[in-house]
Amino acid sequence: MAAGVLTIVQLGAGLYMFNETICLGGHVQASEIQLFSDAGAVLMTEQPTLLTVDDFAPPIQLRGLHLRAQVHINGSQVRMNNCTVQHSYA
């Protein structure tokens, strides 16, 4: 597990627009990241990829999110619960 503390981000209802791809890798100093919404937050970007998770990223939990762009998981551990991913291909 990575050094640092558990990082929890709770999002309310609404649209969250990101200008850049969210890149999580070994540079992240959290022991784990939990990103969730009980209100059905929508995350999107104008970039082709919304989220990239690389080797050495801390474990990541996503819950209750609507992700409207590609998600690339190239390493680490990612758990998704009750999430919708649109505009992504397996």
Protein backbone atom coordinates (compact mmCIF):
# COMPACT_ATOMS: atom_id res chain seq x y z
CA MET A 1 0.00 0.00 0.00
CA ALA A 2 1.21 3.51 -0.78
CA ALA A 3 2.28 5.94 1.91
CA GLY A 4 -0.16 8.57 3.08
CA VAL A 5 -3.71 8.62 4.35
CA LEU A 6 -7.06 7.49 3.06
CA THR A 7 -8.53 10.18 0.78
CA ILE A 8 -12.32 10.31 0.51
CA VAL A 9 -14.10 12.61 -1.94
CA GLN A 10 -17.90 12.74 -1.83
CA LEU A 11 -19.60 14.51 -4.73
CA GLY A 12 -23.10 15.93 -4.69
CA ALA A 13 -25.55 15.78 -7.58
CA GLY A 14 -24.52 17.64 -10.70
CA LEU A 15 -22.18 17.71 -13.66
CA TYR A 16 -18.44 17.88 -13.01
CA MET A 17 -16.45 18.91 -16.11
CA PHE A 18 -12.68 18.30 -16.16
CA ASN A 19 -10.39 20.15 -18.57
CA GLU A 20 -7.75 17.42 -18.48
CA THR A 21 -7.58 13.67 -18.00
CA ILE A 22 -7.40 12.63 -14.35
CA CYS A 23 -4.13 10.68 -14.08
CA LEU A 24 -3.49 8.57 -10.99
CA GLY A 25 -0.16 6.81 -10.58
CA GLY A 26 2.78 6.41 -8.26
CA HIS A 27 3.00 10.17 -7.69
CA VAL A 28 -0.23 10.09 -5.63
CA GLN A 29 0.58 10.24 -1.91
CA ALA A 30 -2.61 8.63 -0.55
CA SER A 31 -2.91 5.11 0.86
CA GLU A 32 -6.29 4.73 -0.89
CA ILE A 33 -8.71 6.95 -2.82
CA GLN A 34 -12.48 6.69 -2.50
CA LEU A 35 -14.55 8.80 -4.89
CA PHE A 36 -18.29 8.46 -4.55
CA SER A 37 -21.69 10.05 -4.94
CA ASP A 38 -24.95 8.98 -3.40
CA ALA A 39 -26.65 11.60 -5.57
CA GLY A 40 -25.49 10.35 -8.99
CA ALA A 41 -22.72 12.80 -9.94
CA VAL A 42 -21.79 12.95 -13.62
CA LEU A 43 -18.07 13.31 -14.46
CA MET A 44 -17.02 14.22 -17.98
CA THR A 45 -14.31 15.82 -20.06
CA GLU A 46 -13.85 17.04 -23.61
CA GLN A 47 -10.73 14.85 -23.75
CA PRO A 48 -11.06 11.28 -25.07
CA THR A 49 -10.10 9.87 -21.65
CA LEU A 50 -11.56 10.93 -18.32
CA LEU A 51 -9.51 8.73 -15.98
CA THR A 52 -6.19 6.89 -16.31
CA VAL A 53 -4.91 4.65 -13.51
CA ASP A 54 -1.30 3.50 -13.83
CA ASP A 55 0.99 1.13 -11.95
CA PHE A 56 1.80 2.07 -8.38
CA ALA A 57 -1.37 4.14 -7.91
CA PRO A 58 -3.03 3.52 -4.57
CA PRO A 59 -6.15 1.32 -4.54
CA ILE A 60 -9.14 3.26 -5.88
CA GLN A 61 -12.85 2.83 -5.14
CA LEU A 62 -15.49 4.48 -7.32
CA ARG A 63 -19.14 4.33 -6.30
CA GLY A 64 -22.36 5.82 -7.66
CA LEU A 65 -20.70 7.78 -10.48
CA HIS A 66 -21.66 8.35 -14.11
CA LEU A 67 -18.40 8.55 -16.07
CA ARG A 68 -18.85 10.00 -19.57
CA ALA A 69 -15.55 9.31 -21.30
CA GLN A 70 -13.03 6.51 -21.55
CA VAL A 71 -11.48 4.99 -18.43
CA HIS A 72 -8.05 3.36 -18.81
CA ILE A 73 -6.89 1.04 -16.06
CA ASN A 74 -3.27 0.14 -16.75
CA GLY A 75 -2.36 -1.06 -13.27
CA SER A 76 -3.16 -0.89 -9.57
CA GLN A 77 -6.55 -1.89 -8.15
CA VAL A 78 -9.80 -0.19 -9.10
CA ARG A 79 -13.18 -1.23 -7.68
CA MET A 80 -16.35 0.18 -9.20
CA ASN A 81 -19.72 -0.17 -7.56
CA ASN A 82 -22.95 1.14 -9.10
CA CYS A 83 -21.07 3.17 -11.73
CA THR A 84 -21.97 3.84 -15.36
CA VAL A 85 -19.23 4.30 -17.95
CA GLN A 86 -20.29 5.79 -21.28
CA HIS A 87 -18.19 6.36 -24.40
CA SER A 88 -15.68 3.71 -23.35
CA TYR A 89 -14.70 0.47 -25.03
CA ALA A 90 -13.39 -2.76 -23.52
